[in-house]
Amino acid sequence: MGDQRAYEKGRNDFYSYLYTTMSPRVTINVTGKIIEKKTIHNERHNTLPAYSCTSEVYFAKGADGLASQCKVYSNGKMLKDFDWDHSHRNSDGTFFPEGTVHVQEYTVSQRKGKDGKYHDYFRRSSRARPMTQAEIVEYGPIIKHFNPNVRF
């Protein structure tokens, strides 16, 4: 896991000064582990990194010690956010109660920064959706491993 700088340089940096591994790495269809940002006490909730070089999914630890969120990565960049630690209502009225997974997807674009270099910009979808059957088959077992109380 790392940041834009490490991703561009092809480094497999964990940035241990930012994150701590909270569980062993587990592979059930995909590889993932629970991590926690070290500055969590100053934030509303645990945040997961935008980049991953070592896992296909990272999980955030909730207040109960179980996973509360999962981010899915492809080519090292976050693409999907599976949340279940809070209720969510879309503007169209679609409702996901706490404990039920809702998915928000990221689109990644590149823009030229002030430094003249291109950087990734992530935009999360404003409308959450339920997991697809294919996502439940692929990610469901590892999500249940880290939090058996989750509903799809």
C-alpha atoms as a PDB file:
ATOM      1  CA  MET A   1       0.000   0.000   0.000  1.00  0.00           C
ATOM      2  CA  GLY A   2       1.295   3.431  -0.704  1.00  0.00           C
ATOM      3  CA  ASP A   3       0.715   6.723  -2.369  1.00  0.00           C
ATOM      4  CA  GLN A   4       0.959   8.231  -5.860  1.00  0.00           C
ATOM      5  CA  ARG A   5       4.711   8.725  -5.552  1.00  0.00           C
ATOM      6  CA  ALA A   6       5.377   5.070  -4.704  1.00  0.00           C
ATOM      7  CA  TYR A   7       2.925   3.866  -7.364  1.00  0.00           C
ATOM      8  CA  GLU A   8       4.626   5.908 -10.108  1.00  0.00           C
ATOM      9  CA  LYS A   9       8.069   4.663  -9.100  1.00  0.00           C
ATOM     10  CA  GLY A  10       6.867   1.055  -9.023  1.00  0.00           C
ATOM     11  CA  ARG A  11       7.835   0.638  -5.391  1.00  0.00           C
ATOM     12  CA  ASN A  12       6.066  -1.726  -3.062  1.00  0.00           C
ATOM     13  CA  ASP A  13       6.094   0.699  -0.149  1.00  0.00           C
ATOM     14  CA  PHE A  14       3.957  -0.050   2.864  1.00  0.00           C
ATOM     15  CA  TYR A  15       4.426   3.401   4.382  1.00  0.00           C
ATOM     16  CA  SER A  16       4.398   1.918   7.857  1.00  0.00           C
ATOM     17  CA  TYR A  17       4.475   5.404   9.321  1.00  0.00           C
ATOM     18  CA  LEU A  18       0.922   5.865   7.989  1.00  0.00           C
ATOM     19  CA  TYR A  19      -0.665   2.397   8.314  1.00  0.00           C
ATOM     20  CA  THR A  20      -0.437  -0.606  10.590  1.00  0.00           C
ATOM     21  CA  THR A  21      -1.313  -4.154   9.566  1.00  0.00           C
ATOM     22  CA  MET A  22      -4.002  -5.452  11.911  1.00  0.00           C
ATOM     23  CA  SER A  23      -4.400  -9.010  10.571  1.00  0.00           C
ATOM     24  CA  PRO A  24      -2.485 -11.608   8.619  1.00  0.00           C
ATOM     25  CA  ARG A  25      -2.847 -11.520   4.850  1.00  0.00           C
ATOM     26  CA  VAL A  26      -5.594 -13.920   3.768  1.00  0.00           C
ATOM     27  CA  THR A  27      -6.340 -15.330   0.321  1.00  0.00           C
ATOM     28  CA  ILE A  28      -9.899 -16.499  -0.407  1.00  0.00           C
ATOM     29  CA  ASN A  29     -10.429 -15.859  -4.139  1.00  0.00           C
ATOM     30  CA  VAL A  30      -8.572 -12.561  -3.618  1.00  0.00           C
ATOM     31  CA  THR A  31      -5.843 -11.480  -1.202  1.00  0.00           C
ATOM     32  CA  GLY A  32      -6.567  -9.014   1.578  1.00  0.00           C
ATOM     33  CA  LYS A  33      -5.871  -7.900   5.120  1.00  0.00           C
ATOM     34  CA  ILE A  34      -7.122  -5.448   7.728  1.00  0.00           C
ATOM     35  CA  ILE A  35      -5.091  -2.275   8.029  1.00  0.00           C
ATOM     36  CA  GLU A  36      -5.501   0.815  10.152  1.00  0.00           C
ATOM     37  CA  LYS A  37      -4.323   4.354   9.665  1.00  0.00           C
ATOM     38  CA  LYS A  38      -2.135   5.375  12.585  1.00  0.00           C
ATOM     39  CA  THR A  39      -3.801   8.778  12.924  1.00  0.00           C
ATOM     40  CA  ILE A  40      -7.279   7.249  13.273  1.00  0.00           C
ATOM     41  CA  HIS A  41      -7.891   9.005  16.597  1.00  0.00           C
ATOM     42  CA  ASN A  42      -7.967  12.357  14.768  1.00  0.00           C
ATOM     43  CA  GLU A  43     -10.421  11.221  12.102  1.00  0.00           C
ATOM     44  CA  ARG A  44     -14.100  10.383  11.960  1.00  0.00           C
ATOM     45  CA  HIS A  45     -13.380   6.858  10.682  1.00  0.00           C
ATOM     46  CA  ASN A  46     -10.583   4.715   9.344  1.00  0.00           C
ATOM     47  CA  THR A  47      -9.517   5.605   5.823  1.00  0.00           C
ATOM     48  CA  LEU A  48      -7.985   3.212   3.347  1.00  0.00           C
ATOM     49  CA  PRO A  49      -5.235   4.119   0.870  1.00  0.00           C
ATOM     50  CA  ALA A  50      -5.853   4.970  -2.781  1.00  0.00           C
ATOM     51  CA  TYR A  51      -3.096   2.585  -3.912  1.00  0.00           C
ATOM     52  CA  SER A  52      -2.165  -1.011  -3.216  1.00  0.00           C
ATOM     53  CA  CYS A  53       0.826  -2.959  -4.416  1.00  0.00           C
ATOM     54  CA  THR A  54       0.493  -5.961  -2.117  1.00  0.00           C
ATOM     55  CA  SER A  55      -3.219  -6.818  -1.861  1.00  0.00           C
ATOM     56  CA  GLU A  56      -6.293  -6.854  -4.042  1.00  0.00           C
ATOM     57  CA  VAL A  57      -8.461  -5.726  -1.114  1.00  0.00           C
ATOM     58  CA  TYR A  58      -7.847  -3.844   2.109  1.00  0.00           C
ATOM     59  CA  PHE A  59     -10.238  -3.845   5.031  1.00  0.00           C
ATOM     60  CA  ALA A  60     -10.763  -1.111   7.608  1.00  0.00           C
ATOM     61  CA  LYS A  61     -11.269  -2.183  11.212  1.00  0.00           C
ATOM     62  CA  GLY A  62     -14.469  -1.043  12.882  1.00  0.00           C
ATOM     63  CA  ALA A  63     -15.084  -0.176  16.523  1.00  0.00           C
ATOM     64  CA  ASP A  64     -16.075  -3.803  17.229  1.00  0.00           C
ATOM     65  CA  GLY A  65     -12.689  -5.072  15.956  1.00  0.00           C
ATOM     66  CA  LEU A  66     -14.230  -6.626  12.840  1.00  0.00           C
ATOM     67  CA  ALA A  67     -13.881  -5.293   9.310  1.00  0.00           C
ATOM     68  CA  SER A  68     -16.196  -2.357   8.593  1.00  0.00           C
ATOM     69  CA  GLN A  69     -15.246  -1.484   5.032  1.00  0.00           C
ATOM     70  CA  CYS A  70     -13.415  -3.009   2.077  1.00  0.00           C
ATOM     71  CA  LYS A  71     -11.728  -1.362  -0.881  1.00  0.00           C
ATOM     72  CA  VAL A  72     -11.023  -3.288  -4.063  1.00  0.00           C
ATOM     73  CA  TYR A  73      -7.940  -2.482  -6.139  1.00  0.00           C
ATOM     74  CA  SER A  74      -7.037  -3.222  -9.741  1.00  0.00           C
ATOM     75  CA  ASN A  75      -3.655  -2.414 -11.227  1.00  0.00           C
ATOM     76  CA  GLY A  76      -2.791  -0.943  -7.833  1.00  0.00           C
ATOM     77  CA  LYS A  77      -5.584   1.688  -7.862  1.00  0.00           C
ATOM     78  CA  MET A  78      -8.804   1.666  -5.845  1.00  0.00           C
ATOM     79  CA  LEU A  79     -11.875   0.877  -7.931  1.00  0.00           C
ATOM     80  CA  LYS A  80     -14.666  -0.135  -5.555  1.00  0.00           C
ATOM     81  CA  ASP A  81     -15.654   0.682  -2.004  1.00  0.00           C
ATOM     82  CA  PHE A  82     -17.771  -1.874  -0.118  1.00  0.00           C
ATOM     83  CA  ASP A  83     -19.295  -0.281   2.997  1.00  0.00           C
ATOM     84  CA  TRP A  84     -21.563  -1.778   5.648  1.00  0.00           C
ATOM     85  CA  ASP A  85     -20.720   0.043   8.883  1.00  0.00           C
ATOM     86  CA  HIS A  86     -23.401   2.687   8.382  1.00  0.00           C
ATOM     87  CA  SER A  87     -26.805   3.056   6.774  1.00  0.00           C
ATOM     88  CA  HIS A  88     -26.897   4.738   3.379  1.00  0.00           C
ATOM     89  CA  ARG A  89     -29.714   6.372   1.404  1.00  0.00           C
ATOM     90  CA  ASN A  90     -29.362   7.393  -2.235  1.00  0.00           C
ATOM     91  CA  SER A  91     -31.086  10.511  -3.529  1.00  0.00           C
ATOM     92  CA  ASP A  92     -33.616   8.247  -5.303  1.00  0.00           C
ATOM     93  CA  GLY A  93     -34.633   6.741  -1.937  1.00  0.00           C
ATOM     94  CA  THR A  94     -32.758   3.438  -2.266  1.00  0.00           C
ATOM     95  CA  PHE A  95     -31.831   2.486   1.301  1.00  0.00           C
ATOM     96  CA  PHE A  96     -29.125   0.196   2.671  1.00  0.00           C
ATOM     97  CA  PRO A  97     -29.418  -0.503   6.401  1.00  0.00           C
ATOM     98  CA  GLU A  98     -26.328  -0.729   8.593  1.00  0.00           C
ATOM     99  CA  GLY A  99     -24.746  -4.169   8.182  1.00  0.00           C
ATOM    100  CA  THR A 100     -25.787  -4.524   4.521  1.00  0.00           C
ATOM    101  CA  VAL A 101     -23.076  -3.989   1.920  1.00  0.00           C
ATOM    102  CA  HIS A 102     -23.480  -1.086  -0.466  1.00  0.00           C
ATOM    103  CA  VAL A 103     -20.989  -0.484  -3.274  1.00  0.00           C
ATOM    104  CA  GLN A 104     -19.643   2.771  -4.610  1.00  0.00           C
ATOM    105  CA  GLU A 105     -17.344   2.718  -7.617  1.00  0.00           C
ATOM    106  CA  TYR A 106     -14.404   4.981  -8.366  1.00  0.00           C
ATOM    107  CA  THR A 107     -13.445   6.441 -11.700  1.00  0.00           C
ATOM    108  CA  VAL A 108      -9.788   7.319 -12.096  1.00  0.00           C
ATOM    109  CA  SER A 109      -8.597  10.127 -14.332  1.00  0.00           C
ATOM    110  CA  GLN A 110      -5.264  11.833 -14.746  1.00  0.00           C
ATOM    111  CA  ARG A 111      -4.731  15.566 -14.633  1.00  0.00           C
ATOM    112  CA  LYS A 112      -1.674  17.695 -14.878  1.00  0.00           C
ATOM    113  CA  GLY A 113      -0.704  19.080 -11.494  1.00  0.00           C
ATOM    114  CA  LYS A 114       1.002  22.342 -10.596  1.00  0.00           C
ATOM    115  CA  ASP A 115       4.306  20.479 -10.769  1.00  0.00           C
ATOM    116  CA  GLY A 116       3.716  19.743 -14.467  1.00  0.00           C
ATOM    117  CA  LYS A 117       3.350  15.999 -13.862  1.00  0.00           C
ATOM    118  CA  TYR A 118       0.208  13.934 -14.329  1.00  0.00           C
ATOM    119  CA  HIS A 119      -1.479  12.665 -11.169  1.00  0.00           C
ATOM    120  CA  ASP A 120      -4.393  10.322 -10.535  1.00  0.00           C
ATOM    121  CA  TYR A 121      -7.670  11.811  -9.375  1.00  0.00           C
ATOM    122  CA  PHE A 122     -10.311   9.535  -7.881  1.00  0.00           C
ATOM    123  CA  ARG A 123     -14.022  10.319  -8.054  1.00  0.00           C
ATOM    124  CA  ARG A 124     -16.443   8.154  -6.089  1.00  0.00           C
ATOM    125  CA  SER A 125     -19.891   7.515  -7.515  1.00  0.00           C
ATOM    126  CA  SER A 126     -22.675   9.425  -5.814  1.00  0.00           C
ATOM    127  CA  ARG A 127     -25.121   6.524  -6.087  1.00  0.00           C
ATOM    128  CA  ALA A 128     -24.516   3.357  -4.073  1.00  0.00           C
ATOM    129  CA  ARG A 129     -25.721  -0.004  -5.344  1.00  0.00           C
ATOM    130  CA  PRO A 130     -26.006  -3.540  -3.967  1.00  0.00           C
ATOM    131  CA  MET A 131     -23.265  -6.069  -4.695  1.00  0.00           C
ATOM    132  CA  THR A 132     -23.727  -8.006  -7.922  1.00  0.00           C
ATOM    133  CA  GLN A 133     -23.934 -11.788  -7.809  1.00  0.00           C
ATOM    134  CA  ALA A 134     -20.453 -11.974  -9.381  1.00  0.00           C
ATOM    135  CA  GLU A 135     -19.060  -9.671  -6.649  1.00  0.00           C
ATOM    136  CA  ILE A 136     -20.694 -11.782  -3.939  1.00  0.00           C
ATOM    137  CA  VAL A 137     -19.092 -14.925  -5.380  1.00  0.00           C
ATOM    138  CA  GLU A 138     -15.661 -13.291  -5.735  1.00  0.00           C
ATOM    139  CA  TYR A 139     -15.464 -11.060  -2.648  1.00  0.00           C
ATOM    140  CA  GLY A 140     -18.184 -12.462  -0.381  1.00  0.00           C
ATOM    141  CA  PRO A 141     -16.094 -15.249   1.194  1.00  0.00           C
ATOM    142  CA  ILE A 142     -13.217 -12.965   2.211  1.00  0.00           C
ATOM    143  CA  ILE A 143     -15.626 -10.281   3.468  1.00  0.00           C
ATOM    144  CA  LYS A 144     -17.379 -12.938   5.602  1.00  0.00           C
ATOM    145  CA  HIS A 145     -13.973 -14.111   6.853  1.00  0.00           C
ATOM    146  CA  PHE A 146     -13.198 -10.649   8.236  1.00  0.00           C
ATOM    147  CA  ASN A 147     -16.774  -9.896   9.346  1.00  0.00           C
ATOM    148  CA  PRO A 148     -19.231 -12.830   9.562  1.00  0.00           C
ATOM    149  CA  ASN A 149     -22.126 -10.481  10.435  1.00  0.00           C
ATOM    150  CA  VAL A 150     -22.252  -8.781   7.008  1.00  0.00           C
ATOM    151  CA  ARG A 151     -25.343  -9.127   4.831  1.00  0.00           C
ATOM    152  CA  PHE A 152     -25.342  -8.972   1.035  1.00  0.00           C
END
